[in-house]
């Protein structure tokens, strides 16, 4: 069985999430979405993703904080 690349989309605007999810799913990707930073961090803690698409300006936890967390989860300090 061929594994699909997994993509996480993080955006507080529903229209953006819907369009990206549908388009990428039609192209054969496994897509998950998060409405905001806290939900995205929860997704990142549960499973790895091949690609993260994040809105930079979101309330509470912005896209840069989500990206920083994703990098720490996939490349923890002291691990080579």
PDB file of N, CA and C in Angstrom:
ATOM      1  N   UNK A   1       0.839  -1.181   0.000  1.00  0.00           N
ATOM      2  CA  UNK A   1       0.000   0.000   0.000  1.00  0.00           C
ATOM      3  C   UNK A   1       0.886   1.248   0.000  1.00  0.00           C
ATOM      4  N   UNK A   2       0.594   2.183  -0.851  1.00  0.00           N
ATOM      5  CA  UNK A   2       1.352   3.422  -0.953  1.00  0.00           C
ATOM      6  C   UNK A   2       0.801   4.423   0.055  1.00  0.00           C
ATOM      7  N   UNK A   3       1.704   4.987   0.870  1.00  0.00           N
ATOM      8  CA  UNK A   3       1.282   5.994   1.832  1.00  0.00           C
ATOM      9  C   UNK A   3       1.148   7.353   1.159  1.00  0.00           C
ATOM     10  N   UNK A   4       0.103   8.070   1.523  1.00  0.00           N
ATOM     11  CA  UNK A   4      -0.093   9.421   1.004  1.00  0.00           C
ATOM     12  C   UNK A   4       0.686  10.393   1.873  1.00  0.00           C
ATOM     13  N   UNK A   5       1.195  11.448   1.258  1.00  0.00           N
ATOM     14  CA  UNK A   5       1.822  12.513   2.035  1.00  0.00           C
ATOM     15  C   UNK A   5       0.756  13.196   2.866  1.00  0.00           C
ATOM     16  N   UNK A   6       1.118  13.490   4.121  1.00  0.00           N
ATOM     17  CA  UNK A   6       0.172  14.097   5.056  1.00  0.00           C
ATOM     18  C   UNK A   6       0.433  15.593   5.160  1.00  0.00           C
ATOM     19  N   UNK A   7      -0.636  16.369   5.060  1.00  0.00           N
ATOM     20  CA  UNK A   7      -0.543  17.828   5.123  1.00  0.00           C
ATOM     21  C   UNK A   7      -1.472  18.341   6.221  1.00  0.00           C
ATOM     22  N   UNK A   8      -0.945  19.289   7.014  1.00  0.00           N
ATOM     23  CA  UNK A   8      -1.757  19.962   8.019  1.00  0.00           C
ATOM     24  C   UNK A   8      -1.945  21.407   7.584  1.00  0.00           C
ATOM     25  N   UNK A   9      -3.194  21.822   7.495  1.00  0.00           N
ATOM     26  CA  UNK A   9      -3.546  23.199   7.140  1.00  0.00           C
ATOM     27  C   UNK A   9      -4.070  23.888   8.397  1.00  0.00           C
ATOM     28  N   UNK A  10      -3.479  25.045   8.716  1.00  0.00           N
ATOM     29  CA  UNK A  10      -3.897  25.799   9.891  1.00  0.00           C
ATOM     30  C   UNK A  10      -4.320  27.194   9.436  1.00  0.00           C
ATOM     31  N   UNK A  11      -5.599  27.489   9.613  1.00  0.00           N
ATOM     32  CA  UNK A  11      -6.097  28.804   9.209  1.00  0.00           C
ATOM     33  C   UNK A  11      -7.372  29.096   9.989  1.00  0.00           C
ATOM     34  N   UNK A  12      -7.491  30.319  10.482  1.00  0.00           N
ATOM     35  CA  UNK A  12      -8.688  30.688  11.231  1.00  0.00           C
ATOM     36  C   UNK A  12      -9.844  31.095  10.327  1.00  0.00           C
ATOM     37  N   UNK A  13      -9.610  31.145   9.022  1.00  0.00           N
ATOM     38  CA  UNK A  13     -10.671  31.473   8.068  1.00  0.00           C
ATOM     39  C   UNK A  13     -11.193  30.182   7.421  1.00  0.00           C
ATOM     40  N   UNK A  14     -12.476  29.864   7.663  1.00  0.00           N
ATOM     41  CA  UNK A  14     -13.034  28.605   7.166  1.00  0.00           C
ATOM     42  C   UNK A  14     -12.927  28.434   5.652  1.00  0.00           C
ATOM     43  N   UNK A  15     -13.126  29.515   4.904  1.00  0.00           N
ATOM     44  CA  UNK A  15     -13.090  29.410   3.438  1.00  0.00           C
ATOM     45  C   UNK A  15     -11.713  28.944   2.954  1.00  0.00           C
ATOM     46  N   UNK A  16     -10.678  29.470   3.564  1.00  0.00           N
ATOM     47  CA  UNK A  16      -9.312  29.085   3.186  1.00  0.00           C
ATOM     48  C   UNK A  16      -9.077  27.605   3.464  1.00  0.00           C
ATOM     49  N   UNK A  17      -9.498  27.149   4.642  1.00  0.00           N
ATOM     50  CA  UNK A  17      -9.326  25.732   5.007  1.00  0.00           C
ATOM     51  C   UNK A  17     -10.063  24.826   4.030  1.00  0.00           C
ATOM     52  N   UNK A  18     -11.289  25.189   3.704  1.00  0.00           N
ATOM     53  CA  UNK A  18     -12.110  24.353   2.828  1.00  0.00           C
ATOM     54  C   UNK A  18     -11.499  24.242   1.432  1.00  0.00           C
ATOM     55  N   UNK A  19     -11.129  25.364   0.849  1.00  0.00           N
ATOM     56  CA  UNK A  19     -10.565  25.361  -0.508  1.00  0.00           C
ATOM     57  C   UNK A  19      -9.262  24.572  -0.554  1.00  0.00           C
ATOM     58  N   UNK A  20      -8.370  24.840   0.399  1.00  0.00           N
ATOM     59  CA  UNK A  20      -7.093  24.119   0.409  1.00  0.00           C
ATOM     60  C   UNK A  20      -7.286  22.626   0.635  1.00  0.00           C
ATOM     61  N   UNK A  21      -8.160  22.281   1.576  1.00  0.00           N
ATOM     62  CA  UNK A  21      -8.390  20.865   1.872  1.00  0.00           C
ATOM     63  C   UNK A  21      -8.934  20.126   0.643  1.00  0.00           C
ATOM     64  N   UNK A  22      -9.951  20.680   0.014  1.00  0.00           N
ATOM     65  CA  UNK A  22     -10.553  20.021  -1.150  1.00  0.00           C
ATOM     66  C   UNK A  22      -9.560  19.900  -2.299  1.00  0.00           C
ATOM     67  N   UNK A  23      -8.824  20.964  -2.564  1.00  0.00           N
ATOM     68  CA  UNK A  23      -7.869  20.950  -3.671  1.00  0.00           C
ATOM     69  C   UNK A  23      -6.773  19.933  -3.443  1.00  0.00           C
ATOM     70  N   UNK A  24      -6.192  19.935  -2.257  1.00  0.00           N
ATOM     71  CA  UNK A  24      -5.097  19.008  -1.974  1.00  0.00           C
ATOM     72  C   UNK A  24      -5.580  17.559  -1.897  1.00  0.00           C
ATOM     73  N   UNK A  25      -6.781  17.346  -1.386  1.00  0.00           N
ATOM     74  CA  UNK A  25      -7.342  15.988  -1.349  1.00  0.00           C
ATOM     75  C   UNK A  25      -7.571  15.460  -2.766  1.00  0.00           C
ATOM     76  N   UNK A  26      -8.044  16.322  -3.663  1.00  0.00           N
ATOM     77  CA  UNK A  26      -8.236  15.913  -5.059  1.00  0.00           C
ATOM     78  C   UNK A  26      -6.906  15.532  -5.723  1.00  0.00           C
ATOM     79  N   UNK A  27      -5.828  16.127  -5.248  1.00  0.00           N
ATOM     80  CA  UNK A  27      -4.502  15.810  -5.785  1.00  0.00           C
ATOM     81  C   UNK A  27      -3.892  14.567  -5.137  1.00  0.00           C
ATOM     82  N   UNK A  28      -4.635  13.965  -4.202  1.00  0.00           N
ATOM     83  CA  UNK A  28      -4.203  12.710  -3.622  1.00  0.00           C
ATOM     84  C   UNK A  28      -3.516  12.789  -2.275  1.00  0.00           C
ATOM     85  N   UNK A  29      -3.535  13.947  -1.645  1.00  0.00           N
ATOM     86  CA  UNK A  29      -2.897  14.090  -0.345  1.00  0.00           C
ATOM     87  C   UNK A  29      -3.868  13.770   0.780  1.00  0.00           C
ATOM     88  N   UNK A  30      -3.322  13.304   1.896  1.00  0.00           N
ATOM     89  CA  UNK A  30      -4.116  13.132   3.110  1.00  0.00           C
ATOM     90  C   UNK A  30      -4.039  14.462   3.854  1.00  0.00           C
ATOM     91  N   UNK A  31      -5.188  15.103   4.060  1.00  0.00           N
ATOM     92  CA  UNK A  31      -5.204  16.460   4.596  1.00  0.00           C
ATOM     93  C   UNK A  31      -5.983  16.520   5.901  1.00  0.00           C
ATOM     94  N   UNK A  32      -5.378  17.183   6.881  1.00  0.00           N
ATOM     95  CA  UNK A  32      -6.077  17.496   8.122  1.00  0.00           C
ATOM     96  C   UNK A  32      -6.065  19.005   8.277  1.00  0.00           C
ATOM     97  N   UNK A  33      -7.063  19.522   8.981  1.00  0.00           N
ATOM     98  CA  UNK A  33      -7.147  20.967   9.165  1.00  0.00           C
ATOM     99  C   UNK A  33      -7.258  21.306  10.646  1.00  0.00           C
ATOM    100  N   UNK A  34      -6.822  22.526  10.969  1.00  0.00           N
ATOM    101  CA  UNK A  34      -6.963  23.060  12.322  1.00  0.00           C
ATOM    102  C   UNK A  34      -7.442  24.494  12.201  1.00  0.00           C
ATOM    103  N   UNK A  35      -8.367  24.889  13.087  1.00  0.00           N
ATOM    104  CA  UNK A  35      -8.924  26.241  13.053  1.00  0.00           C
ATOM    105  C   UNK A  35      -7.994  27.265  13.671  1.00  0.00           C
ATOM    106  N   UNK A  36      -7.055  26.825  14.471  1.00  0.00           N
ATOM    107  CA  UNK A  36      -6.158  27.755  15.135  1.00  0.00           C
ATOM    108  C   UNK A  36      -4.920  27.057  15.645  1.00  0.00           C
ATOM    109  N   UNK A  37      -4.077  27.837  16.305  1.00  0.00           N
ATOM    110  CA  UNK A  37      -2.788  27.337  16.749  1.00  0.00           C
ATOM    111  C   UNK A  37      -2.853  26.228  17.773  1.00  0.00           C
ATOM    112  N   UNK A  38      -3.733  26.359  18.759  1.00  0.00           N
ATOM    113  CA  UNK A  38      -3.824  25.313  19.780  1.00  0.00           C
ATOM    114  C   UNK A  38      -4.249  23.983  19.176  1.00  0.00           C
ATOM    115  N   UNK A  39      -5.195  24.007  18.279  1.00  0.00           N
ATOM    116  CA  UNK A  39      -5.656  22.778  17.622  1.00  0.00           C
ATOM    117  C   UNK A  39      -4.543  22.194  16.747  1.00  0.00           C
ATOM    118  N   UNK A  40      -3.788  23.055  16.079  1.00  0.00           N
ATOM    119  CA  UNK A  40      -2.676  22.595  15.249  1.00  0.00           C
ATOM    120  C   UNK A  40      -1.612  21.904  16.094  1.00  0.00           C
ATOM    121  N   UNK A  41      -1.286  22.507  17.237  1.00  0.00           N
ATOM    122  CA  UNK A  41      -0.288  21.901  18.125  1.00  0.00           C
ATOM    123  C   UNK A  41      -0.760  20.538  18.594  1.00  0.00           C
ATOM    124  N   UNK A  42      -2.050  20.405  18.873  1.00  0.00           N
ATOM    125  CA  UNK A  42      -2.605  19.107  19.266  1.00  0.00           C
ATOM    126  C   UNK A  42      -2.420  18.082  18.147  1.00  0.00           C
ATOM    127  N   UNK A  43      -2.681  18.461  16.907  1.00  0.00           N
ATOM    128  CA  UNK A  43      -2.476  17.565  15.757  1.00  0.00           C
ATOM    129  C   UNK A  43      -1.002  17.164  15.656  1.00  0.00           C
ATOM    130  N   UNK A  44      -0.107  18.135  15.821  1.00  0.00           N
ATOM    131  CA  UNK A  44       1.330  17.880  15.690  1.00  0.00           C
ATOM    132  C   UNK A  44       1.845  16.948  16.780  1.00  0.00           C
ATOM    133  N   UNK A  45       1.238  17.001  17.946  1.00  0.00           N
ATOM    134  CA  UNK A  45       1.640  16.118  19.045  1.00  0.00           C
ATOM    135  C   UNK A  45       1.217  14.670  18.802  1.00  0.00           C
ATOM    136  N   UNK A  46       0.145  14.494  18.039  1.00  0.00           N
ATOM    137  CA  UNK A  46      -0.415  13.160  17.828  1.00  0.00           C
ATOM    138  C   UNK A  46       0.227  12.386  16.674  1.00  0.00           C
ATOM    139  N   UNK A  47       0.656  13.107  15.623  1.00  0.00           N
ATOM    140  CA  UNK A  47       1.166  12.417  14.434  1.00  0.00           C
ATOM    141  C   UNK A  47       2.053  13.354  13.613  1.00  0.00           C
ATOM    142  N   UNK A  48       2.983  12.783  12.861  1.00  0.00           N
ATOM    143  CA  UNK A  48       3.840  13.615  12.009  1.00  0.00           C
ATOM    144  C   UNK A  48       3.137  14.016  10.705  1.00  0.00           C
ATOM    145  N   UNK A  49       3.588  15.128  10.151  1.00  0.00           N
ATOM    146  CA  UNK A  49       3.079  15.612   8.872  1.00  0.00           C
ATOM    147  C   UNK A  49       4.249  15.874   7.944  1.00  0.00           C
ATOM    148  N   UNK A  50       4.008  15.703   6.652  1.00  0.00           N
ATOM    149  CA  UNK A  50       5.037  15.962   5.649  1.00  0.00           C
ATOM    150  C   UNK A  50       5.104  17.441   5.288  1.00  0.00           C
ATOM    151  N   UNK A  51       3.982  18.141   5.452  1.00  0.00           N
ATOM    152  CA  UNK A  51       3.919  19.555   5.102  1.00  0.00           C
ATOM    153  C   UNK A  51       2.962  20.262   6.047  1.00  0.00           C
ATOM    154  N   UNK A  52       3.348  21.472   6.464  1.00  0.00           N
ATOM    155  CA  UNK A  52       2.510  22.315   7.306  1.00  0.00           C
ATOM    156  C   UNK A  52       2.257  23.617   6.553  1.00  0.00           C
ATOM    157  N   UNK A  53       0.977  23.943   6.374  1.00  0.00           N
ATOM    158  CA  UNK A  53       0.584  25.219   5.761  1.00  0.00           C
ATOM    159  C   UNK A  53      -0.128  26.005   6.856  1.00  0.00           C
ATOM    160  N   UNK A  54       0.460  27.142   7.251  1.00  0.00           N
ATOM    161  CA  UNK A  54      -0.089  27.879   8.381  1.00  0.00           C
ATOM    162  C   UNK A  54      -0.295  29.349   8.048  1.00  0.00           C
ATOM    163  N   UNK A  55      -1.461  29.853   8.411  1.00  0.00           N
ATOM    164  CA  UNK A  55      -1.743  31.282   8.362  1.00  0.00           C
ATOM    165  C   UNK A  55      -0.854  31.937   9.415  1.00  0.00           C
ATOM    166  N   UNK A  56      -0.175  33.008   9.073  1.00  0.00           N
ATOM    167  CA  UNK A  56       0.731  33.640  10.024  1.00  0.00           C
ATOM    168  C   UNK A  56       0.002  34.488  11.058  1.00  0.00           C
ATOM    169  N   UNK A  57      -1.108  35.112  10.668  1.00  0.00           N
ATOM    170  CA  UNK A  57      -1.840  35.988  11.587  1.00  0.00           C
ATOM    171  C   UNK A  57      -3.112  35.304  12.060  1.00  0.00           C
ATOM    172  N   UNK A  58      -3.038  34.782  13.288  1.00  0.00           N
ATOM    173  CA  UNK A  58      -4.199  34.148  13.913  1.00  0.00           C
ATOM    174  C   UNK A  58      -4.246  34.599  15.360  1.00  0.00           C
ATOM    175  N   UNK A  59      -5.434  34.626  15.957  1.00  0.00           N
ATOM    176  CA  UNK A  59      -5.527  35.012  17.369  1.00  0.00           C
ATOM    177  C   UNK A  59      -4.907  33.944  18.276  1.00  0.00           C
ATOM    178  N   UNK A  60      -4.485  34.346  19.427  1.00  0.00           N
ATOM    179  CA  UNK A  60      -3.927  33.500  20.480  1.00  0.00           C
ATOM    180  C   UNK A  60      -2.564  32.917  20.104  1.00  0.00           C
ATOM    181  N   UNK A  61      -2.515  31.931  19.225  1.00  0.00           N
ATOM    182  CA  UNK A  61      -1.257  31.308  18.806  1.00  0.00           C
ATOM    183  C   UNK A  61      -1.123  31.530  17.300  1.00  0.00           C
ATOM    184  N   UNK A  62      -0.110  32.297  16.891  1.00  0.00           N
ATOM    185  CA  UNK A  62       0.020  32.602  15.465  1.00  0.00           C
ATOM    186  C   UNK A  62       0.774  31.494  14.707  1.00  0.00           C
ATOM    187  N   UNK A  63       0.804  31.640  13.404  1.00  0.00           N
ATOM    188  CA  UNK A  63       1.416  30.624  12.555  1.00  0.00           C
ATOM    189  C   UNK A  63       2.892  30.403  12.825  1.00  0.00           C
ATOM    190  N   UNK A  64       3.618  31.457  13.171  1.00  0.00           N
ATOM    191  CA  UNK A  64       5.042  31.293  13.470  1.00  0.00           C
ATOM    192  C   UNK A  64       5.253  30.456  14.724  1.00  0.00           C
ATOM    193  N   UNK A  65       4.388  30.605  15.709  1.00  0.00           N
ATOM    194  CA  UNK A  65       4.478  29.784  16.914  1.00  0.00           C
ATOM    195  C   UNK A  65       4.167  28.322  16.596  1.00  0.00           C
ATOM    196  N   UNK A  66       3.213  28.092  15.708  1.00  0.00           N
ATOM    197  CA  UNK A  66       2.888  26.725  15.295  1.00  0.00           C
ATOM    198  C   UNK A  66       4.077  26.109  14.561  1.00  0.00           C
ATOM    199  N   UNK A  67       4.685  26.862  13.668  1.00  0.00           N
ATOM    200  CA  UNK A  67       5.848  26.366  12.922  1.00  0.00           C
ATOM    201  C   UNK A  67       6.994  26.063  13.884  1.00  0.00           C
ATOM    202  N   UNK A  68       7.227  26.948  14.841  1.00  0.00           N
ATOM    203  CA  UNK A  68       8.275  26.724  15.840  1.00  0.00           C
ATOM    204  C   UNK A  68       8.018  25.434  16.604  1.00  0.00           C
ATOM    205  N   UNK A  69       6.774  25.213  16.993  1.00  0.00           N
ATOM    206  CA  UNK A  69       6.428  23.970  17.711  1.00  0.00           C
ATOM    207  C   UNK A  69       6.652  22.746  16.820  1.00  0.00           C
ATOM    208  N   UNK A  70       6.249  22.842  15.575  1.00  0.00           N
ATOM    209  CA  UNK A  70       6.430  21.719  14.645  1.00  0.00           C
ATOM    210  C   UNK A  70       7.911  21.372  14.507  1.00  0.00           C
ATOM    211  N   UNK A  71       8.750  22.388  14.433  1.00  0.00           N
ATOM    212  CA  UNK A  71      10.197  22.132  14.320  1.00  0.00           C
ATOM    213  C   UNK A  71      10.748  21.494  15.588  1.00  0.00           C
ATOM    214  N   UNK A  72      10.274  21.919  16.745  1.00  0.00           N
ATOM    215  CA  UNK A  72      10.734  21.317  18.005  1.00  0.00           C
ATOM    216  C   UNK A  72      10.270  19.870  18.136  1.00  0.00           C
ATOM    217  N   UNK A  73       9.075  19.567  17.641  1.00  0.00           N
ATOM    218  CA  UNK A  73       8.551  18.199  17.714  1.00  0.00           C
ATOM    219  C   UNK A  73       9.339  17.277  16.777  1.00  0.00           C
ATOM    220  N   UNK A  74       9.657  17.774  15.580  1.00  0.00           N
ATOM    221  CA  UNK A  74      10.339  16.927  14.613  1.00  0.00           C
ATOM    222  C   UNK A  74      11.849  16.913  14.768  1.00  0.00           C
ATOM    223  N   UNK A  75      12.410  17.973  15.358  1.00  0.00           N
ATOM    224  CA  UNK A  75      13.860  18.075  15.564  1.00  0.00           C
ATOM    225  C   UNK A  75      14.158  18.582  16.973  1.00  0.00           C
ATOM    226  N   UNK A  76      13.935  17.730  18.005  1.00  0.00           N
ATOM    227  CA  UNK A  76      14.171  18.195  19.372  1.00  0.00           C
ATOM    228  C   UNK A  76      15.633  18.545  19.601  1.00  0.00           C
ATOM    229  N   UNK A  77      15.921  19.521  20.479  1.00  0.00           N
ATOM    230  CA  UNK A  77      17.304  19.898  20.764  1.00  0.00           C
ATOM    231  C   UNK A  77      18.101  18.711  21.298  1.00  0.00           C
ATOM    232  N   UNK A  78      19.329  18.623  20.894  1.00  0.00           N
ATOM    233  CA  UNK A  78      20.206  17.556  21.368  1.00  0.00           C
ATOM    234  C   UNK A  78      20.069  16.243  20.621  1.00  0.00           C
ATOM    235  N   UNK A  79      19.135  16.169  19.693  1.00  0.00           N
ATOM    236  CA  UNK A  79      18.957  14.945  18.895  1.00  0.00           C
ATOM    237  C   UNK A  79      19.435  15.232  17.489  1.00  0.00           C
ATOM    238  N   UNK A  80      20.333  14.386  17.007  1.00  0.00           N
ATOM    239  CA  UNK A  80      20.840  14.616  15.656  1.00  0.00           C
ATOM    240  C   UNK A  80      20.259  13.654  14.664  1.00  0.00           C
TER     241      UNK A  80
END
